[in-house]
N, C-alpha and C. Protein backbone atom coordinates (compact mmCIF):
# COMPACT_ATOMS: atom_id res chain seq x y z
N MET A 1 45.19 147.10 75.37
CA MET A 1 44.67 145.75 75.38
C MET A 1 45.12 145.08 74.08
N HIS A 2 45.80 143.86 74.03
CA HIS A 2 46.04 143.20 72.86
C HIS A 2 44.92 142.51 72.27
N PRO A 3 44.67 142.69 70.92
CA PRO A 3 43.47 142.09 70.27
C PRO A 3 43.51 140.59 70.21
N ASP A 4 44.71 139.93 70.33
CA ASP A 4 44.75 138.54 70.38
C ASP A 4 44.72 137.87 71.71
N SER A 5 44.52 138.61 72.78
CA SER A 5 44.71 138.19 74.13
C SER A 5 43.51 137.12 74.46
N GLU A 6 43.70 136.18 75.37
CA GLU A 6 42.74 135.13 75.80
C GLU A 6 41.62 135.92 76.38
N VAL A 7 41.81 136.89 77.14
CA VAL A 7 40.64 137.58 77.77
C VAL A 7 39.73 138.21 76.70
N ASP A 8 40.35 138.95 75.78
CA ASP A 8 39.46 139.47 74.65
C ASP A 8 38.83 138.47 73.86
N ARG A 9 39.42 137.29 73.57
CA ARG A 9 38.75 136.24 72.89
C ARG A 9 37.57 135.73 73.71
N LEU A 10 37.76 135.55 75.01
CA LEU A 10 36.76 135.02 75.82
C LEU A 10 35.61 135.93 75.94
N LYS A 11 35.91 137.32 76.09
CA LYS A 11 34.90 138.37 76.14
C LYS A 11 34.06 138.32 74.76
N ASP A 12 34.67 138.18 73.78
CA ASP A 12 33.96 138.20 72.35
C ASP A 12 33.11 136.87 72.32
N LEU A 13 33.60 135.76 72.71
CA LEU A 13 32.89 134.54 72.80
C LEU A 13 31.64 134.70 73.76
N LEU A 14 31.75 135.20 74.88
CA LEU A 14 30.70 135.41 75.75
C LEU A 14 29.61 136.30 75.18
N GLN A 15 30.11 137.33 74.51
CA GLN A 15 29.11 138.28 73.83
C GLN A 15 28.30 137.57 72.77
N GLN A 16 28.98 136.79 72.01
CA GLN A 16 28.23 135.89 70.96
C GLN A 16 27.26 135.03 71.56
N HIS A 17 27.66 134.23 72.59
CA HIS A 17 26.83 133.27 73.21
C HIS A 17 25.68 133.99 74.02
N LEU A 18 25.85 135.24 74.53
CA LEU A 18 24.85 135.88 75.21
C LEU A 18 23.79 136.29 74.14
N THR A 19 24.21 136.89 73.07
CA THR A 19 23.30 137.32 71.92
C THR A 19 22.51 136.01 71.50
N GLU A 20 23.15 134.97 71.30
CA GLU A 20 22.38 133.70 70.84
C GLU A 20 21.41 133.35 71.88
N PHE A 21 21.84 133.42 73.15
CA PHE A 21 20.89 133.03 74.24
C PHE A 21 19.76 133.93 74.24
N TYR A 22 19.87 135.17 74.20
CA TYR A 22 18.85 136.08 74.22
C TYR A 22 17.75 135.86 73.07
N GLN A 23 18.42 135.70 71.92
CA GLN A 23 17.62 135.44 70.68
C GLN A 23 16.76 134.10 70.89
N ALA A 24 17.38 133.10 71.42
CA ALA A 24 16.68 131.83 71.68
C ALA A 24 15.47 132.07 72.56
N VAL A 25 15.65 132.79 73.65
CA VAL A 25 14.67 133.03 74.56
C VAL A 25 13.54 133.82 73.94
N GLU A 26 13.95 134.84 73.17
CA GLU A 26 12.97 135.76 72.66
C GLU A 26 12.20 135.04 71.52
N THR A 27 12.73 134.12 70.85
CA THR A 27 12.06 133.37 69.73
C THR A 27 11.37 132.08 70.23
N GLN A 28 11.50 131.87 71.58
CA GLN A 28 10.89 130.65 72.27
C GLN A 28 11.47 129.40 71.66
N ALA A 29 12.75 129.25 71.43
CA ALA A 29 13.39 128.13 70.88
C ALA A 29 13.15 126.91 71.79
N GLU A 30 13.35 125.83 71.32
CA GLU A 30 13.26 124.49 72.09
C GLU A 30 14.11 124.64 73.32
N ARG A 31 13.55 123.92 74.43
CA ARG A 31 14.25 123.99 75.75
C ARG A 31 15.65 123.48 75.73
N SER A 32 16.01 122.50 74.85
CA SER A 32 17.34 121.97 74.85
C SER A 32 18.28 123.06 74.22
N VAL A 33 17.82 123.84 73.29
CA VAL A 33 18.61 124.92 72.68
C VAL A 33 18.93 126.03 73.67
N VAL A 34 17.87 126.42 74.39
CA VAL A 34 17.93 127.48 75.31
C VAL A 34 18.94 127.02 76.39
N VAL A 35 18.80 125.79 76.91
CA VAL A 35 19.63 125.26 77.99
C VAL A 35 21.12 125.14 77.50
N ARG A 36 21.33 124.67 76.34
CA ARG A 36 22.65 124.55 75.69
C ARG A 36 23.35 126.02 75.64
N LEU A 37 22.68 126.92 75.19
CA LEU A 37 23.08 128.24 75.12
C LEU A 37 23.46 128.89 76.47
N PHE A 38 22.57 128.63 77.46
CA PHE A 38 22.84 129.04 78.79
C PHE A 38 24.08 128.48 79.29
N ASP A 39 24.32 127.27 79.04
CA ASP A 39 25.45 126.47 79.49
C ASP A 39 26.72 127.17 78.92
N LYS A 40 26.62 127.64 77.70
CA LYS A 40 27.78 128.21 76.89
C LYS A 40 28.11 129.54 77.75
N VAL A 41 27.01 130.36 77.97
CA VAL A 41 27.21 131.68 78.69
C VAL A 41 27.84 131.37 80.03
N ILE A 42 27.50 130.41 80.67
CA ILE A 42 27.95 130.22 82.13
C ILE A 42 29.48 129.64 81.95
N ASN A 43 29.71 128.89 81.07
CA ASN A 43 31.08 128.25 80.88
C ASN A 43 32.00 129.44 80.47
N ASP A 44 31.57 130.26 79.57
CA ASP A 44 32.43 131.43 79.06
C ASP A 44 32.67 132.37 80.32
N SER A 45 31.65 132.60 81.10
CA SER A 45 31.81 133.47 82.42
C SER A 45 32.76 132.86 83.18
N ASN A 46 32.69 131.61 83.46
CA ASN A 46 33.56 130.88 84.43
C ASN A 46 34.96 131.08 84.01
N ARG A 47 35.20 130.84 82.64
CA ARG A 47 36.69 130.98 82.08
C ARG A 47 37.12 132.43 82.31
N LEU A 48 36.23 133.44 82.14
CA LEU A 48 36.64 134.83 82.32
C LEU A 48 36.98 135.03 83.86
N PHE A 49 36.06 134.48 84.71
CA PHE A 49 36.34 134.52 86.20
C PHE A 49 37.68 133.99 86.48
N GLN A 50 37.98 132.87 86.01
CA GLN A 50 39.28 132.21 86.12
C GLN A 50 40.44 133.16 85.67
N GLN A 51 40.37 133.71 84.53
CA GLN A 51 41.40 134.64 84.06
C GLN A 51 41.50 135.82 84.92
N GLU A 52 40.53 136.35 85.39
CA GLU A 52 40.60 137.54 86.38
C GLU A 52 41.24 137.14 87.63
N GLU A 53 40.80 135.99 88.25
CA GLU A 53 41.30 135.65 89.52
C GLU A 53 42.78 135.34 89.42
N ARG A 54 43.27 134.70 88.30
CA ARG A 54 44.66 134.58 88.08
C ARG A 54 45.51 135.92 88.08
N TYR A 55 44.76 136.89 87.45
CA TYR A 55 45.42 138.22 87.35
C TYR A 55 45.54 138.84 88.82
N LEU A 56 44.42 138.76 89.44
CA LEU A 56 44.43 139.27 90.80
C LEU A 56 45.31 138.59 91.70
N ARG A 57 45.54 137.18 91.60
CA ARG A 57 46.49 136.56 92.48
C ARG A 57 47.95 137.02 92.10
N ARG A 58 48.28 137.11 90.73
CA ARG A 58 49.59 137.64 90.31
C ARG A 58 49.94 138.95 90.80
N ASN A 59 48.93 139.78 90.97
CA ASN A 59 49.09 141.12 91.36
C ASN A 59 48.82 141.40 92.86
N TRP A 60 48.71 140.32 93.60
CA TRP A 60 48.56 140.42 95.00
C TRP A 60 47.32 141.36 95.55
N SER A 61 46.26 141.15 94.82
CA SER A 61 45.09 141.95 95.30
C SER A 61 44.56 141.53 96.64
N PRO A 62 44.41 142.48 97.49
CA PRO A 62 43.89 142.20 98.84
C PRO A 62 42.50 141.61 98.77
N ASP A 63 41.66 141.94 97.62
CA ASP A 63 40.38 141.49 97.73
C ASP A 63 40.03 140.13 96.97
N ILE A 64 41.12 139.48 96.64
CA ILE A 64 41.04 138.25 95.79
C ILE A 64 40.01 137.22 96.39
N GLU A 65 40.07 137.00 97.65
CA GLU A 65 39.17 136.01 98.27
C GLU A 65 37.78 136.49 98.21
N SER A 66 37.37 137.71 98.55
CA SER A 66 36.01 138.20 98.45
C SER A 66 35.49 138.14 97.18
N HIS A 67 36.38 138.57 96.22
CA HIS A 67 35.93 138.59 94.77
C HIS A 67 35.73 137.19 94.27
N ARG A 68 36.58 136.18 94.70
CA ARG A 68 36.48 134.88 94.31
C ARG A 68 35.17 134.29 94.76
N GLN A 69 34.76 134.64 96.05
CA GLN A 69 33.55 134.25 96.59
C GLN A 69 32.32 134.80 95.82
N ARG A 70 32.44 135.97 95.36
CA ARG A 70 31.28 136.52 94.48
C ARG A 70 31.19 135.72 93.31
N HIS A 71 32.25 135.34 92.64
CA HIS A 71 32.20 134.53 91.43
C HIS A 71 31.55 133.16 91.76
N LYS A 72 31.92 132.53 92.82
CA LYS A 72 31.42 131.27 93.27
C LYS A 72 29.96 131.43 93.44
N ALA A 73 29.52 132.45 94.19
CA ALA A 73 28.11 132.72 94.38
C ALA A 73 27.34 132.85 93.12
N LEU A 74 27.86 133.67 92.13
CA LEU A 74 27.19 133.74 90.86
C LEU A 74 27.14 132.51 90.15
N LEU A 75 28.17 131.60 90.17
CA LEU A 75 28.09 130.36 89.46
C LEU A 75 27.15 129.44 90.13
N GLY A 76 27.09 129.50 91.50
CA GLY A 76 26.05 128.66 92.08
C GLY A 76 24.67 129.02 91.83
N LEU A 77 24.46 130.37 91.83
CA LEU A 77 23.15 130.80 91.41
C LEU A 77 22.76 130.33 89.94
N ALA A 78 23.83 130.46 89.06
CA ALA A 78 23.61 130.04 87.73
C ALA A 78 23.25 128.57 87.66
N ALA A 79 23.89 127.81 88.53
CA ALA A 79 23.43 126.37 88.57
C ALA A 79 22.06 126.11 88.90
N HIS A 80 21.50 126.86 89.87
CA HIS A 80 20.04 126.74 90.14
C HIS A 80 19.21 127.22 89.08
N VAL A 81 19.59 128.23 88.53
CA VAL A 81 18.76 128.84 87.39
C VAL A 81 18.77 127.77 86.32
N ARG A 82 19.86 127.13 86.00
CA ARG A 82 20.00 126.12 84.96
C ARG A 82 18.98 124.96 85.22
N ILE A 83 18.98 124.52 86.45
CA ILE A 83 18.21 123.35 86.87
C ILE A 83 16.71 123.67 86.54
N HIS A 84 16.30 125.02 87.11
CA HIS A 84 14.98 125.45 86.90
C HIS A 84 14.68 125.49 85.43
N LEU A 85 15.62 126.02 84.68
CA LEU A 85 15.39 126.17 83.11
C LEU A 85 15.20 124.77 82.51
N GLU A 86 16.05 123.91 82.94
CA GLU A 86 15.96 122.53 82.24
C GLU A 86 14.66 121.79 82.67
N LEU A 87 14.13 122.01 83.95
CA LEU A 87 12.89 121.40 84.38
C LEU A 87 11.60 122.08 84.02
N ALA A 88 11.64 123.34 84.00
CA ALA A 88 10.47 124.16 83.73
C ALA A 88 10.44 124.64 82.28
N GLY A 89 11.39 124.48 81.58
CA GLY A 89 11.43 125.00 80.17
C GLY A 89 11.13 126.49 79.96
N LYS A 90 10.07 126.70 79.12
CA LYS A 90 9.79 127.98 78.73
C LYS A 90 9.29 128.98 79.85
N ASP A 91 8.79 128.24 80.94
CA ASP A 91 8.38 129.06 82.05
C ASP A 91 9.61 129.69 82.83
N ALA A 92 10.75 129.11 82.63
CA ALA A 92 11.86 129.59 83.33
C ALA A 92 12.78 130.31 82.50
N ALA A 93 12.48 130.50 81.27
CA ALA A 93 13.29 131.16 80.22
C ALA A 93 13.52 132.72 80.60
N GLN A 94 12.42 133.30 81.08
CA GLN A 94 12.50 134.82 81.38
C GLN A 94 13.42 135.02 82.65
N PRO A 95 13.20 134.19 83.65
CA PRO A 95 14.15 134.34 84.83
C PRO A 95 15.52 133.98 84.47
N ALA A 96 15.77 133.11 83.53
CA ALA A 96 17.16 132.87 83.18
C ALA A 96 17.80 134.10 82.41
N LEU A 97 16.87 134.71 81.49
CA LEU A 97 17.19 135.87 80.82
C LEU A 97 17.61 136.99 81.76
N LEU A 98 16.81 137.17 82.72
CA LEU A 98 16.90 138.15 83.75
C LEU A 98 18.25 138.00 84.53
N PHE A 99 18.55 136.73 84.94
CA PHE A 99 19.77 136.39 85.61
C PHE A 99 20.99 136.76 84.72
N ALA A 100 20.87 136.46 83.41
CA ALA A 100 22.09 136.74 82.51
C ALA A 100 22.28 138.29 82.47
N GLU A 101 21.09 139.05 82.26
CA GLU A 101 21.16 140.43 82.05
C GLU A 101 21.54 141.22 83.30
N GLU A 102 20.70 140.91 84.49
CA GLU A 102 20.84 141.63 85.55
C GLU A 102 21.88 141.38 86.57
N TRP A 103 22.32 139.98 86.63
CA TRP A 103 23.36 139.52 87.53
C TRP A 103 24.67 139.40 86.83
N LEU A 104 24.70 138.59 85.80
CA LEU A 104 25.87 138.14 85.17
C LEU A 104 26.56 139.28 84.43
N GLU A 105 25.72 139.85 83.51
CA GLU A 105 26.29 140.99 82.60
C GLU A 105 26.71 142.20 83.61
N GLN A 106 25.86 142.51 84.53
CA GLN A 106 26.15 143.54 85.39
C GLN A 106 27.43 143.24 86.21
N HIS A 107 27.78 142.11 86.67
CA HIS A 107 29.00 141.85 87.32
C HIS A 107 30.20 142.04 86.40
N LEU A 108 30.03 141.35 85.19
CA LEU A 108 31.20 141.41 84.28
C LEU A 108 31.43 142.82 83.77
N ARG A 109 30.43 143.65 83.49
CA ARG A 109 30.69 145.03 82.99
C ARG A 109 30.91 145.94 84.05
N GLY A 110 30.46 145.66 85.29
CA GLY A 110 30.70 146.55 86.35
C GLY A 110 31.95 146.29 87.24
N VAL A 111 31.71 145.42 88.13
CA VAL A 111 32.83 144.95 89.06
C VAL A 111 34.10 144.50 88.43
N ASP A 112 33.90 143.57 87.40
CA ASP A 112 35.05 142.92 86.72
C ASP A 112 35.66 143.70 85.65
N GLN A 113 35.03 144.70 85.02
CA GLN A 113 35.51 145.34 83.88
C GLN A 113 36.95 145.96 84.07
N PRO A 114 37.20 146.58 85.15
CA PRO A 114 38.58 147.16 85.41
C PRO A 114 39.70 146.02 85.35
N PHE A 115 39.36 144.83 86.07
CA PHE A 115 40.26 143.73 85.94
C PHE A 115 40.38 143.07 84.59
N LEU A 116 39.30 143.06 83.92
CA LEU A 116 39.35 142.23 82.62
C LEU A 116 40.07 143.20 81.59
N SER A 117 39.98 144.40 81.69
CA SER A 117 40.67 145.36 80.80
C SER A 117 42.17 145.28 80.99
N VAL A 118 42.50 145.34 82.20
CA VAL A 118 43.99 145.22 82.51
C VAL A 118 44.56 143.90 82.30
N ALA A 119 43.82 142.93 82.49
CA ALA A 119 44.40 141.48 82.38
C ALA A 119 44.49 141.01 80.89
N ALA A 120 43.82 141.81 80.04
CA ALA A 120 43.88 141.47 78.62
C ALA A 120 45.26 141.56 78.03
């Protein structure tokens, strides 16, 4: 893996934004701060998904469409979590945190990890 690759840079940025998001939720930061950080996490994830999908297309992966649909579903769920977070504020912070930990990170570290390691 080349240290200057776009995938590595995006993974590092995502980790930074996840840490900031988790800290904001734990310290009960203002709603606007939590929403802004959640947006950064989702944007970083989307950019990683796009990099991975480009890699899968270039390498003629037979699972590209089903995998792309998983990404689309995750981003759709993230949009719903974000709306709830924006409207409900602190009451929605824990569900947003669980989404990031249980759905998003698990997908990136589980299913996507082999692709992201090779694509870097």
